Amino acid sequence: IIQQNIEAARRFGACDTVVPATDTIVASTDGQTIASIPDRRNYYQGQTPQSFLLDRLDQMLGSLSPEEDAILTDACKAFVLRGQQVALVNGDASNIKITYPADLRIAGALLGEPRA
């Protein structure tokens, strides 16, 4: 995946490692009812690594307004906000993201660590 990221970053200036979305994505504008259910064939889950040409990343991040910066969920979004292409690199479902304590337990189970 690293070599693919390097090649994609050189070609496009930015890339994101992704896997196809497997969950149904539900959009809501009010947090209470469904506004739409998009076709998940068009959606991917972002992973790491994300890779960039450093000068392009610096340019994109430096161009953000405070409002745009406040909604930034990852560095690729800065490119998307500026209409720049971000290449997709195929990831692996086992490349899990550690965000919550439960994620650590899942990672431990994948590594075969005994439960505490």
N, C-alpha and C. Protein backbone atom coordinates (compact mmCIF):
# COMPACT_ATOMS: atom_id res chain seq x y z
N ILE A 1 0.84 -1.19 0.00
CA ILE A 1 0.00 0.00 0.00
C ILE A 1 0.88 1.25 0.00
N ILE A 2 2.00 1.21 0.69
CA ILE A 2 2.87 2.38 0.77
C ILE A 2 3.37 2.77 -0.62
N GLN A 3 3.84 1.79 -1.39
CA GLN A 3 4.36 2.10 -2.73
C GLN A 3 3.25 2.67 -3.61
N GLN A 4 2.04 2.12 -3.51
CA GLN A 4 0.91 2.64 -4.30
C GLN A 4 0.60 4.08 -3.89
N ASN A 5 0.71 4.38 -2.59
CA ASN A 5 0.48 5.75 -2.11
C ASN A 5 1.52 6.70 -2.68
N ILE A 6 2.76 6.29 -2.68
CA ILE A 6 3.83 7.15 -3.21
C ILE A 6 3.58 7.45 -4.69
N GLU A 7 3.25 6.42 -5.46
CA GLU A 7 3.00 6.61 -6.89
C GLU A 7 1.80 7.50 -7.13
N ALA A 8 0.72 7.29 -6.38
CA ALA A 8 -0.49 8.11 -6.55
C ALA A 8 -0.25 9.55 -6.13
N ALA A 9 0.49 9.77 -5.04
CA ALA A 9 0.79 11.13 -4.59
C ALA A 9 1.64 11.86 -5.63
N ARG A 10 2.59 11.17 -6.22
CA ARG A 10 3.41 11.79 -7.27
C ARG A 10 2.56 12.17 -8.47
N ARG A 11 1.62 11.31 -8.81
CA ARG A 11 0.79 11.55 -10.01
C ARG A 11 -0.28 12.61 -9.78
N PHE A 12 -0.97 12.54 -8.64
CA PHE A 12 -2.12 13.41 -8.38
C PHE A 12 -1.84 14.51 -7.37
N GLY A 13 -0.79 14.38 -6.57
CA GLY A 13 -0.51 15.35 -5.52
C GLY A 13 -1.10 14.96 -4.19
N ALA A 14 -2.10 14.06 -4.22
CA ALA A 14 -2.75 13.61 -2.99
C ALA A 14 -3.44 12.28 -3.24
N CYS A 15 -3.46 11.43 -2.21
CA CYS A 15 -4.21 10.18 -2.32
C CYS A 15 -4.68 9.74 -0.94
N ASP A 16 -5.71 8.92 -0.97
CA ASP A 16 -6.29 8.39 0.25
C ASP A 16 -6.43 6.88 0.08
N THR A 17 -6.04 6.13 1.08
CA THR A 17 -6.23 4.69 1.09
C THR A 17 -7.68 4.44 1.50
N VAL A 18 -8.39 3.60 0.74
CA VAL A 18 -9.82 3.40 0.98
C VAL A 18 -10.22 1.93 0.81
N VAL A 19 -11.34 1.60 1.40
CA VAL A 19 -12.02 0.33 1.14
C VAL A 19 -13.47 0.66 0.79
N PRO A 20 -14.10 -0.16 -0.07
CA PRO A 20 -15.51 0.12 -0.40
C PRO A 20 -16.38 0.08 0.85
N ALA A 21 -17.35 0.97 0.91
CA ALA A 21 -18.29 0.99 2.03
C ALA A 21 -19.13 -0.28 1.99
N THR A 22 -19.31 -0.89 3.13
CA THR A 22 -20.14 -2.08 3.21
C THR A 22 -21.44 -1.81 3.96
N ASP A 23 -21.45 -0.78 4.78
CA ASP A 23 -22.66 -0.41 5.51
C ASP A 23 -23.57 0.42 4.61
N THR A 24 -24.85 0.40 4.89
CA THR A 24 -25.77 1.32 4.24
C THR A 24 -25.54 2.69 4.85
N ILE A 25 -25.34 3.68 3.99
CA ILE A 25 -25.12 5.05 4.44
C ILE A 25 -26.47 5.76 4.48
N VAL A 26 -26.79 6.36 5.60
CA VAL A 26 -28.06 7.06 5.77
C VAL A 26 -27.75 8.54 6.02
N ALA A 27 -28.31 9.40 5.17
CA ALA A 27 -28.12 10.84 5.34
C ALA A 27 -29.36 11.45 6.00
N SER A 28 -29.13 12.37 6.93
CA SER A 28 -30.21 13.06 7.60
C SER A 28 -29.84 14.53 7.72
N THR A 29 -30.77 15.41 7.42
CA THR A 29 -30.50 16.84 7.56
C THR A 29 -30.98 17.38 8.90
N ASP A 30 -31.82 16.61 9.59
CA ASP A 30 -32.34 17.10 10.86
C ASP A 30 -31.98 16.20 12.05
N GLY A 31 -31.29 15.09 11.80
CA GLY A 31 -30.90 14.19 12.88
C GLY A 31 -32.04 13.35 13.43
N GLN A 32 -33.22 13.43 12.78
CA GLN A 32 -34.37 12.69 13.27
C GLN A 32 -34.99 11.80 12.20
N THR A 33 -34.85 12.18 10.93
CA THR A 33 -35.45 11.41 9.85
C THR A 33 -34.44 11.25 8.70
N ILE A 34 -34.66 10.24 7.89
CA ILE A 34 -33.78 9.99 6.76
C ILE A 34 -34.12 10.94 5.62
N ALA A 35 -33.11 11.63 5.12
CA ALA A 35 -33.29 12.49 3.95
C ALA A 35 -32.98 11.72 2.67
N SER A 36 -31.99 10.81 2.74
CA SER A 36 -31.65 10.00 1.57
C SER A 36 -30.79 8.81 1.98
N ILE A 37 -30.78 7.83 1.13
CA ILE A 37 -29.91 6.67 1.28
C ILE A 37 -29.17 6.53 -0.04
N PRO A 38 -27.94 7.04 -0.09
CA PRO A 38 -27.19 7.00 -1.35
C PRO A 38 -26.73 5.59 -1.71
N ASP A 39 -26.40 5.41 -2.97
CA ASP A 39 -25.93 4.13 -3.48
C ASP A 39 -24.52 3.88 -2.95
N ARG A 40 -24.37 2.90 -2.09
CA ARG A 40 -23.08 2.68 -1.44
C ARG A 40 -21.99 2.26 -2.40
N ARG A 41 -22.33 1.86 -3.61
CA ARG A 41 -21.30 1.53 -4.60
C ARG A 41 -20.43 2.74 -4.93
N ASN A 42 -20.91 3.94 -4.62
CA ASN A 42 -20.17 5.16 -4.88
C ASN A 42 -19.42 5.68 -3.66
N TYR A 43 -19.43 4.92 -2.56
CA TYR A 43 -18.85 5.39 -1.31
C TYR A 43 -17.74 4.46 -0.82
N TYR A 44 -16.77 5.07 -0.18
CA TYR A 44 -15.62 4.35 0.35
C TYR A 44 -15.36 4.83 1.76
N GLN A 45 -14.71 3.99 2.54
CA GLN A 45 -14.28 4.37 3.87
C GLN A 45 -12.80 4.71 3.80
N GLY A 46 -12.46 5.93 4.23
CA GLY A 46 -11.07 6.36 4.21
C GLY A 46 -10.28 5.67 5.30
N GLN A 47 -9.05 5.34 4.97
CA GLN A 47 -8.14 4.71 5.92
C GLN A 47 -6.85 5.53 5.97
N THR A 48 -5.85 4.96 6.58
CA THR A 48 -4.51 5.52 6.49
C THR A 48 -3.66 4.48 5.79
N PRO A 49 -2.63 4.90 5.11
CA PRO A 49 -2.13 6.26 5.06
C PRO A 49 -2.84 7.12 4.01
N GLN A 50 -2.76 8.41 4.23
CA GLN A 50 -3.03 9.41 3.21
C GLN A 50 -1.66 9.94 2.83
N SER A 51 -1.45 10.23 1.56
CA SER A 51 -0.13 10.68 1.13
C SER A 51 -0.27 11.90 0.23
N PHE A 52 0.73 12.81 0.34
CA PHE A 52 0.66 14.09 -0.35
C PHE A 52 2.04 14.54 -0.81
N LEU A 53 2.06 15.37 -1.82
CA LEU A 53 3.25 16.15 -2.10
C LEU A 53 3.22 17.27 -1.08
N LEU A 54 4.28 17.43 -0.32
CA LEU A 54 4.29 18.34 0.82
C LEU A 54 3.95 19.77 0.44
N ASP A 55 4.48 20.28 -0.67
CA ASP A 55 4.18 21.66 -1.04
C ASP A 55 2.70 21.84 -1.39
N ARG A 56 2.10 20.83 -2.01
CA ARG A 56 0.66 20.90 -2.33
C ARG A 56 -0.18 20.86 -1.06
N LEU A 57 0.18 19.99 -0.12
CA LEU A 57 -0.55 19.91 1.14
C LEU A 57 -0.46 21.23 1.89
N ASP A 58 0.73 21.78 1.96
CA ASP A 58 0.93 23.07 2.63
C ASP A 58 0.08 24.16 1.96
N GLN A 59 0.05 24.16 0.64
CA GLN A 59 -0.75 25.14 -0.10
C GLN A 59 -2.25 24.98 0.20
N MET A 60 -2.73 23.75 0.17
CA MET A 60 -4.16 23.51 0.41
C MET A 60 -4.55 23.89 1.84
N LEU A 61 -3.76 23.46 2.81
CA LEU A 61 -4.09 23.78 4.20
C LEU A 61 -4.00 25.27 4.47
N GLY A 62 -3.03 25.94 3.85
CA GLY A 62 -2.86 27.37 4.04
C GLY A 62 -3.95 28.21 3.39
N SER A 63 -4.68 27.61 2.44
CA SER A 63 -5.72 28.36 1.73
C SER A 63 -7.09 28.29 2.40
N LEU A 64 -7.20 27.51 3.47
CA LEU A 64 -8.51 27.33 4.11
C LEU A 64 -8.93 28.53 4.93
N SER A 65 -10.20 28.85 4.85
CA SER A 65 -10.77 29.86 5.73
C SER A 65 -10.97 29.24 7.11
N PRO A 66 -11.16 30.04 8.15
CA PRO A 66 -11.43 29.48 9.47
C PRO A 66 -12.66 28.56 9.48
N GLU A 67 -13.67 28.90 8.68
CA GLU A 67 -14.89 28.07 8.62
C GLU A 67 -14.59 26.72 7.98
N GLU A 68 -13.78 26.73 6.92
CA GLU A 68 -13.42 25.48 6.26
C GLU A 68 -12.53 24.64 7.18
N ASP A 69 -11.61 25.28 7.84
CA ASP A 69 -10.72 24.58 8.75
C ASP A 69 -11.52 23.89 9.86
N ALA A 70 -12.59 24.51 10.29
CA ALA A 70 -13.40 23.97 11.38
C ALA A 70 -14.13 22.68 10.97
N ILE A 71 -14.38 22.49 9.68
CA ILE A 71 -15.09 21.29 9.23
C ILE A 71 -14.13 20.24 8.66
N LEU A 72 -12.85 20.47 8.76
CA LEU A 72 -11.86 19.55 8.23
C LEU A 72 -11.84 18.27 9.06
N THR A 73 -12.13 17.15 8.42
CA THR A 73 -12.09 15.86 9.12
C THR A 73 -10.81 15.10 8.82
N ASP A 74 -10.18 15.43 7.72
CA ASP A 74 -8.86 14.89 7.40
C ASP A 74 -8.22 15.77 6.34
N ALA A 75 -6.94 15.53 6.06
CA ALA A 75 -6.20 16.40 5.16
C ALA A 75 -6.71 16.33 3.72
N CYS A 76 -7.23 15.18 3.31
CA CYS A 76 -7.75 15.06 1.93
C CYS A 76 -8.90 16.04 1.68
N LYS A 77 -9.66 16.35 2.71
CA LYS A 77 -10.80 17.24 2.54
C LYS A 77 -10.36 18.63 2.10
N ALA A 78 -9.16 19.05 2.49
CA ALA A 78 -8.66 20.36 2.05
C ALA A 78 -8.52 20.38 0.54
N PHE A 79 -8.07 19.28 -0.04
CA PHE A 79 -7.95 19.18 -1.50
C PHE A 79 -9.33 19.19 -2.15
N VAL A 80 -10.25 18.43 -1.59
CA VAL A 80 -11.62 18.35 -2.12
C VAL A 80 -12.29 19.72 -2.07
N LEU A 81 -12.12 20.45 -0.97
CA LEU A 81 -12.70 21.78 -0.85
C LEU A 81 -12.19 22.74 -1.93
N ARG A 82 -10.98 22.49 -2.42
CA ARG A 82 -10.37 23.34 -3.46
C ARG A 82 -10.55 22.76 -4.85
N GLY A 83 -11.39 21.71 -4.97
CA GLY A 83 -11.67 21.12 -6.28
C GLY A 83 -10.50 20.36 -6.87
N GLN A 84 -9.56 19.92 -6.03
CA GLN A 84 -8.40 19.18 -6.50
C GLN A 84 -8.67 17.68 -6.43
N GLN A 85 -8.13 16.94 -7.38
CA GLN A 85 -8.31 15.50 -7.40
C GLN A 85 -7.51 14.84 -6.28
N VAL A 86 -8.11 13.82 -5.69
CA VAL A 86 -7.45 12.99 -4.70
C VAL A 86 -7.61 11.55 -5.19
N ALA A 87 -6.49 10.90 -5.46
CA ALA A 87 -6.52 9.53 -5.98
C ALA A 87 -6.94 8.55 -4.89
N LEU A 88 -7.55 7.45 -5.31
CA LEU A 88 -7.92 6.37 -4.41
C LEU A 88 -6.90 5.25 -4.53
N VAL A 89 -6.45 4.74 -3.39
CA VAL A 89 -5.57 3.59 -3.33
C VAL A 89 -6.32 2.51 -2.55
N ASN A 90 -6.38 1.31 -3.10
CA ASN A 90 -7.12 0.23 -2.44
C ASN A 90 -6.44 -0.16 -1.13
N GLY A 91 -7.25 -0.15 -0.06
CA GLY A 91 -6.76 -0.52 1.25
C GLY A 91 -7.15 -1.94 1.59
N ASP A 92 -7.23 -2.21 2.88
CA ASP A 92 -7.55 -3.54 3.36
C ASP A 92 -8.48 -3.39 4.57
N ALA A 93 -9.53 -4.19 4.61
CA ALA A 93 -10.50 -4.10 5.70
C ALA A 93 -9.87 -4.35 7.06
N SER A 94 -8.76 -5.06 7.12
CA SER A 94 -8.12 -5.32 8.41
C SER A 94 -7.31 -4.11 8.91
N ASN A 95 -7.19 -3.07 8.10
CA ASN A 95 -6.50 -1.84 8.49
C ASN A 95 -7.51 -0.99 9.26
N ILE A 96 -7.70 -1.32 10.54
CA ILE A 96 -8.74 -0.67 11.32
C ILE A 96 -8.24 0.64 11.92
N LYS A 97 -9.18 1.52 12.18
CA LYS A 97 -8.90 2.81 12.78
C LYS A 97 -9.11 2.71 14.29
N ILE A 98 -8.15 3.21 15.05
CA ILE A 98 -8.26 3.21 16.51
C ILE A 98 -8.74 4.59 16.94
N THR A 99 -10.01 4.68 17.29
CA THR A 99 -10.61 5.94 17.71
C THR A 99 -11.18 5.83 19.12
N TYR A 100 -11.85 4.73 19.39
CA TYR A 100 -12.54 4.54 20.66
C TYR A 100 -11.93 3.37 21.43
N PRO A 101 -12.16 3.30 22.74
CA PRO A 101 -11.63 2.17 23.52
C PRO A 101 -12.02 0.81 22.95
N ALA A 102 -13.20 0.68 22.43
CA ALA A 102 -13.63 -0.60 21.84
C ALA A 102 -12.74 -0.99 20.66
N ASP A 103 -12.23 0.01 19.93
CA ASP A 103 -11.34 -0.27 18.80
C ASP A 103 -10.04 -0.93 19.28
N LEU A 104 -9.57 -0.54 20.45
CA LEU A 104 -8.37 -1.16 21.01
C LEU A 104 -8.61 -2.63 21.32
N ARG A 105 -9.80 -2.94 21.80
CA ARG A 105 -10.12 -4.34 22.10
C ARG A 105 -10.17 -5.15 20.80
N ILE A 106 -10.73 -4.58 19.76
CA ILE A 106 -10.78 -5.27 18.47
C ILE A 106 -9.37 -5.49 17.94
N ALA A 107 -8.53 -4.46 18.01
CA ALA A 107 -7.15 -4.59 17.55
C ALA A 107 -6.43 -5.66 18.36
N GLY A 108 -6.64 -5.68 19.65
CA GLY A 108 -6.02 -6.70 20.50
C GLY A 108 -6.45 -8.09 20.10
N ALA A 109 -7.73 -8.25 19.82
CA ALA A 109 -8.24 -9.57 19.40
C ALA A 109 -7.62 -9.98 18.07
N LEU A 110 -7.49 -9.04 17.15
CA LEU A 110 -6.86 -9.34 15.86
C LEU A 110 -5.41 -9.76 16.02
N LEU A 111 -4.74 -9.19 17.02
CA LEU A 111 -3.35 -9.51 17.27
C LEU A 111 -3.18 -10.74 18.16
N GLY A 112 -4.31 -11.28 18.62
CA GLY A 112 -4.27 -12.48 19.46
C GLY A 112 -3.84 -12.21 20.89
N GLU A 113 -4.03 -10.97 21.35
CA GLU A 113 -3.65 -10.63 22.72
C GLU A 113 -4.71 -11.15 23.69
N PRO A 114 -4.28 -11.64 24.84
CA PRO A 114 -5.26 -12.11 25.83
C PRO A 114 -6.08 -10.93 26.36
N ARG A 115 -7.32 -11.23 26.71
CA ARG A 115 -8.21 -10.18 27.25
C ARG A 115 -7.82 -9.87 28.68
N ALA A 116 -7.93 -8.60 29.02
CA ALA A 116 -7.59 -8.17 30.40
C ALA A 116 -8.77 -8.33 31.31
